[in-house]
């Protein structure tokens, strides 16, 4: 299964329409190194073949094709961190490529790939970045499910690593820890069945705001406004992480880690993203 994971950035939030002056650069990050199984590494090529770049340009956006990073495919590993070296290599490659795009005045549009790639994007932007994390999971790893053994799957630990918990090779990708200030991070759309009360308390204790799937489904526009309000009280670029597993897998069966009967439809998820 392909699990397209999209990371976009915007320094200005337009309530109506889109900023047509931005020079977007599409970066394919074909990696499933941190996943539950292979598949996500196929997403950039599949979406290119489906005409994604053409359709973006037809809207009037300026989108350059920045090419694909090296393919990194899932391989079995052992806990506590499965395939750590490969995950670090993929995230580092993303960090370096995004940094090049930013230095050249471009705006990166990163498509993967498993969720560990966002660590690399955040590391490239630095500590002043603000992150809206629209995902079917809160990605706390064992921090979010303290009553169950850790699987070692790094795809489910992105938020934990952003906040400084986990493998030093990942928490230190940006040169300083944590990778992001908790007040500049908000989570949106997580399936409440996948996070323990201990995980919620951990986030609240760190000062991370979050809205779970039912809130997104009830009012996607209000959920989006709340998310932006949570991170827009300060300056700095806004980064949006979007994982298709936020969508009920019965409605859109693309997720590497499926969420059935989550109640979040594709229309609701995309309305919120838009």
Protein backbone atom coordinates (compact mmCIF):
# COMPACT_ATOMS: atom_id res chain seq x y z
CA UNK A 1 0.00 0.00 0.00
CA UNK A 2 1.18 3.52 -0.73
CA UNK A 3 0.97 5.97 2.14
CA UNK A 4 1.48 9.39 0.61
CA UNK A 5 2.74 11.79 3.24
CA UNK A 6 2.76 15.40 2.22
CA UNK A 7 4.62 18.24 3.85
CA UNK A 8 3.91 21.78 2.69
CA UNK A 9 4.98 25.18 3.93
CA UNK A 10 3.52 28.66 3.82
CA UNK A 11 4.86 31.81 5.39
CA UNK A 12 1.57 33.60 4.80
CA UNK A 13 -1.87 32.11 5.33
CA UNK A 14 -4.39 33.34 2.75
CA UNK A 15 -8.00 33.12 3.88
CA UNK A 16 -9.25 33.38 0.31
CA UNK A 17 -7.39 32.04 -2.70
CA UNK A 18 -3.76 31.03 -2.86
CA UNK A 19 -0.45 32.83 -2.94
CA UNK A 20 0.46 32.56 -6.62
CA UNK A 21 3.83 34.32 -6.23
CA UNK A 22 5.49 31.53 -4.30
CA UNK A 23 8.12 29.43 -6.08
CA UNK A 24 7.28 25.88 -5.04
CA UNK A 25 9.82 23.09 -5.44
CA UNK A 26 8.52 19.52 -5.49
CA UNK A 27 10.84 17.12 -3.64
CA UNK A 28 10.17 13.39 -3.81
CA UNK A 29 11.29 11.52 -0.68
CA UNK A 30 10.77 7.85 -1.64
CA UNK A 31 11.33 6.15 1.71
CA UNK A 32 9.55 3.48 3.73
CA UNK A 33 12.52 2.93 6.04
CA UNK A 34 10.59 3.75 9.19
CA UNK A 35 7.35 2.06 8.16
CA UNK A 36 5.43 -1.07 9.09
CA UNK A 37 6.15 -2.54 5.64
CA UNK A 38 7.19 -1.40 2.17
CA UNK A 39 5.02 0.74 -0.10
CA UNK A 40 5.39 4.40 0.77
CA UNK A 41 8.57 4.69 -1.27
CA UNK A 42 6.37 4.32 -4.38
CA UNK A 43 4.29 7.42 -3.65
CA UNK A 44 6.34 10.19 -5.33
CA UNK A 45 6.64 8.30 -8.62
CA UNK A 46 2.98 7.25 -8.52
CA UNK A 47 1.76 10.80 -8.00
CA UNK A 48 4.05 12.13 -10.70
CA UNK A 49 2.62 9.51 -13.07
CA UNK A 50 -0.89 10.57 -12.05
CA UNK A 51 -0.12 14.12 -13.19
CA UNK A 52 0.27 15.90 -9.84
CA UNK A 53 2.77 18.48 -11.08
CA UNK A 54 0.70 19.26 -14.16
CA UNK A 55 -2.44 19.71 -12.13
CA UNK A 56 -0.70 22.04 -9.68
CA UNK A 57 0.66 24.14 -12.53
CA UNK A 58 -2.76 24.29 -14.17
CA UNK A 59 -4.02 26.13 -11.08
CA UNK A 60 -1.50 28.87 -11.80
CA UNK A 61 1.08 27.83 -9.24
CA UNK A 62 4.78 27.99 -10.02
CA UNK A 63 6.08 24.49 -9.29
CA UNK A 64 9.55 23.29 -10.21
CA UNK A 65 10.41 19.59 -10.13
CA UNK A 66 13.26 19.22 -7.66
CA UNK A 67 13.64 15.50 -8.38
CA UNK A 68 13.66 12.55 -6.04
CA UNK A 69 16.02 11.69 -3.24
CA UNK A 70 17.50 8.16 -3.13
CA UNK A 71 14.99 5.36 -2.63
CA UNK A 72 15.09 3.82 0.84
CA UNK A 73 12.97 0.69 1.24
CA UNK A 74 11.63 -0.88 4.41
CA UNK A 75 13.62 -3.76 5.88
CA UNK A 76 12.88 -5.81 9.00
CA UNK A 77 14.65 -4.66 12.12
CA UNK A 78 14.64 -5.15 15.85
CA UNK A 79 13.50 -2.84 18.70
CA UNK A 80 14.01 -0.45 20.27
CA UNK A 81 14.50 1.39 16.96
CA UNK A 82 13.97 -0.62 13.80
CA UNK A 83 16.14 0.36 10.82
CA UNK A 84 17.46 3.41 12.64
CA UNK A 85 20.45 3.98 10.38
CA UNK A 86 18.32 3.94 7.23
CA UNK A 87 15.73 6.27 8.79
CA UNK A 88 18.45 8.71 9.85
CA UNK A 89 19.97 8.65 6.35
CA UNK A 90 16.59 9.37 4.70
CA UNK A 91 15.69 12.17 7.13
CA UNK A 92 19.15 13.70 6.77
CA UNK A 93 18.83 13.68 2.97
CA UNK A 94 15.47 15.47 3.30
CA UNK A 95 16.97 18.02 5.70
CA UNK A 96 19.82 18.80 3.33
CA UNK A 97 17.63 19.04 0.23
CA UNK A 98 15.04 21.25 1.92
CA UNK A 99 17.84 23.50 3.21
CA UNK A 100 19.11 23.89 -0.37
CA UNK A 101 15.64 24.87 -1.59
CA UNK A 102 15.20 27.41 1.20
CA UNK A 103 18.64 28.89 0.53
CA UNK A 104 17.63 29.33 -3.10
CA UNK A 105 14.44 31.19 -2.18
CA UNK A 106 12.08 28.31 -2.95
CA UNK A 107 9.23 26.83 -0.94
CA UNK A 108 9.51 23.06 -0.48
CA UNK A 109 6.65 20.69 -1.24
CA UNK A 110 7.89 17.36 0.12
CA UNK A 111 6.12 14.13 -0.72
CA UNK A 112 7.06 10.77 0.80
CA UNK A 113 7.34 8.46 2.33
CA UNK A 114 6.92 7.68 6.02
CA UNK A 115 6.41 10.27 8.75
CA UNK A 116 10.01 10.34 9.94
CA UNK A 117 10.76 12.50 6.90
CA UNK A 118 9.09 15.46 8.61
CA UNK A 119 11.91 15.40 11.16
CA UNK A 120 14.25 16.32 8.34
CA UNK A 121 11.98 19.10 7.07
CA UNK A 122 11.65 20.64 10.53
CA UNK A 123 15.42 20.40 11.05
CA UNK A 124 16.00 22.33 7.81
CA UNK A 125 13.71 25.17 8.87
CA UNK A 126 15.09 25.50 12.37
CA UNK A 127 13.58 26.33 15.72
CA UNK A 128 11.40 29.24 14.54
CA UNK A 129 9.19 26.92 12.47
CA UNK A 130 5.53 26.40 13.42
CA UNK A 131 4.06 22.97 12.66
CA UNK A 132 0.47 21.83 12.09
CA UNK A 133 0.57 18.02 12.19
CA UNK A 134 -2.57 16.61 10.49
CA UNK A 135 -2.27 12.87 11.03
CA UNK A 136 -4.34 9.86 12.03
CA UNK A 137 -1.89 9.19 14.86
CA UNK A 138 -0.24 11.38 17.45
CA UNK A 139 3.04 9.60 16.67
CA UNK A 140 4.30 9.55 20.25
CA UNK A 141 5.58 6.00 20.07
CA UNK A 142 5.75 4.46 23.53
CA UNK A 143 5.10 7.92 25.01
CA UNK A 144 1.57 7.74 23.65
CA UNK A 145 0.88 4.16 24.63
CA UNK A 146 2.72 3.62 27.88
CA UNK A 147 0.60 0.57 28.70
CA UNK A 148 1.81 -1.38 25.64
CA UNK A 149 5.28 -2.54 24.51
CA UNK A 150 7.07 -0.33 22.01
CA UNK A 151 7.10 -1.81 18.50
CA UNK A 152 10.27 -0.04 17.46
CA UNK A 153 8.53 1.25 14.30
CA UNK A 154 9.95 4.74 13.93
CA UNK A 155 7.10 5.91 11.66
CA UNK A 156 4.96 6.14 14.81
CA UNK A 157 7.45 8.23 16.82
CA UNK A 158 7.73 11.49 14.88
CA UNK A 159 6.17 13.76 17.50
CA UNK A 160 8.11 12.10 20.29
CA UNK A 161 11.36 12.74 18.44
CA UNK A 162 10.39 16.33 17.62
CA UNK A 163 9.93 16.91 21.34
CA UNK A 164 13.32 15.41 22.18
CA UNK A 165 12.39 11.86 23.23
CA UNK A 166 13.95 8.91 21.41
CA UNK A 167 17.05 8.16 19.39
CA UNK A 168 19.65 10.96 19.67
CA UNK A 169 20.51 10.52 15.99
CA UNK A 170 16.98 11.79 15.17
CA UNK A 171 16.27 14.19 18.02
CA UNK A 172 19.51 16.01 17.16
CA UNK A 173 18.95 16.37 13.40
CA UNK A 174 18.62 20.13 13.74
CA UNK A 175 21.74 20.59 15.83
CA UNK A 176 19.80 21.60 18.95
CA UNK A 177 17.18 19.79 21.01
CA UNK A 178 14.27 19.68 20.92
CA UNK A 179 13.73 20.14 17.20
CA UNK A 180 10.67 22.32 17.83
CA UNK A 181 9.28 24.47 20.61
CA UNK A 182 6.18 22.69 21.97
CA UNK A 183 4.19 25.94 21.80
CA UNK A 184 4.81 26.02 18.04
CA UNK A 185 3.36 22.55 17.49
CA UNK A 186 -0.28 21.50 17.20
CA UNK A 187 -1.72 18.07 16.35
CA UNK A 188 -4.90 17.58 14.36
CA UNK A 189 -7.05 14.54 13.48
CA UNK A 190 -5.56 11.75 15.58
CA UNK A 191 -7.68 8.62 16.01
CA UNK A 192 -8.52 8.69 19.75
CA UNK A 193 -8.40 4.88 19.86
CA UNK A 194 -4.68 4.99 19.09
CA UNK A 195 -3.58 7.26 21.95
CA UNK A 196 -3.68 6.51 25.66
CA UNK A 197 -4.65 8.94 28.39
CA UNK A 198 -0.99 8.91 29.39
CA UNK A 199 -0.10 10.17 25.93
CA UNK A 200 -2.62 12.99 26.16
CA UNK A 201 -1.31 13.97 29.57
CA UNK A 202 2.24 13.94 28.19
CA UNK A 203 1.26 16.38 25.42
CA UNK A 204 -0.63 18.65 27.79
CA UNK A 205 2.27 18.60 30.22
CA UNK A 206 4.62 19.71 27.46
CA UNK A 207 2.24 22.45 26.31
CA UNK A 208 1.36 20.82 22.96
CA UNK A 209 -2.18 21.58 21.75
CA UNK A 210 -4.17 18.91 19.92
CA UNK A 211 -7.56 18.17 18.37
CA UNK A 212 -8.52 14.58 17.72
CA UNK A 213 -10.42 13.04 14.82
CA UNK A 214 -13.97 13.70 16.09
CA UNK A 215 -13.27 17.44 16.30
CA UNK A 216 -11.96 17.47 12.74
CA UNK A 217 -14.95 15.51 11.45
CA UNK A 218 -17.47 17.69 13.29
CA UNK A 219 -16.26 20.93 11.74
CA UNK A 220 -13.20 20.75 9.44
CA UNK A 221 -13.00 24.51 8.91
CA UNK A 222 -13.20 25.31 12.60
CA UNK A 223 -10.60 22.64 13.34
CA UNK A 224 -8.27 24.23 10.78
CA UNK A 225 -8.80 27.70 12.20
CA UNK A 226 -8.12 26.47 15.72
CA UNK A 227 -4.93 24.75 14.56
CA UNK A 228 -3.66 27.86 12.82
CA UNK A 229 -4.58 29.99 15.80
CA UNK A 230 -2.59 27.67 18.04
CA UNK A 231 0.63 28.22 16.09
CA UNK A 232 0.14 31.66 14.53
CA UNK A 233 0.47 33.72 17.70
CA UNK A 234 4.16 34.16 16.90
CA UNK A 235 6.34 34.74 13.86
CA UNK A 236 8.09 32.16 11.71
CA UNK A 237 7.21 29.92 8.77
CA UNK A 238 4.24 27.57 9.00
CA UNK A 239 4.84 23.93 8.09
CA UNK A 240 1.94 21.56 7.40
CA UNK A 241 2.36 17.80 7.74
CA UNK A 242 -0.45 15.80 6.11
CA UNK A 243 -0.69 12.01 6.37
CA UNK A 244 -3.42 10.20 4.44
CA UNK A 245 -3.99 7.90 7.41
CA UNK A 246 -6.00 10.74 8.96
CA UNK A 247 -8.74 9.59 6.57
CA UNK A 248 -10.97 6.62 7.36
CA UNK A 249 -9.40 3.72 5.45
CA UNK A 250 -12.86 2.58 4.37
CA UNK A 251 -13.15 5.87 2.47
CA UNK A 252 -9.60 6.09 1.11
CA UNK A 253 -7.60 2.84 1.50
CA UNK A 254 -4.05 4.21 1.08
CA UNK A 255 -2.60 4.07 4.56
CA UNK A 256 0.35 1.93 5.56
CA UNK A 257 -1.20 1.90 9.03
CA UNK A 258 -4.98 1.87 8.41
CA UNK A 259 -7.67 3.49 10.51
CA UNK A 260 -11.06 1.91 9.88
CA UNK A 261 -14.25 3.50 11.26
CA UNK A 262 -12.36 6.60 12.35
CA UNK A 263 -15.21 8.80 11.15
CA UNK A 264 -12.99 11.23 9.22
CA UNK A 265 -13.93 11.27 5.54
CA UNK A 266 -11.66 12.26 2.69
CA UNK A 267 -13.79 15.34 2.05
CA UNK A 268 -13.46 16.43 5.68
CA UNK A 269 -9.71 15.86 5.78
CA UNK A 270 -9.09 17.74 2.53
CA UNK A 271 -11.45 20.59 3.50
CA UNK A 272 -9.40 21.03 6.66
CA UNK A 273 -6.11 20.86 4.74
CA UNK A 274 -7.32 23.35 2.13
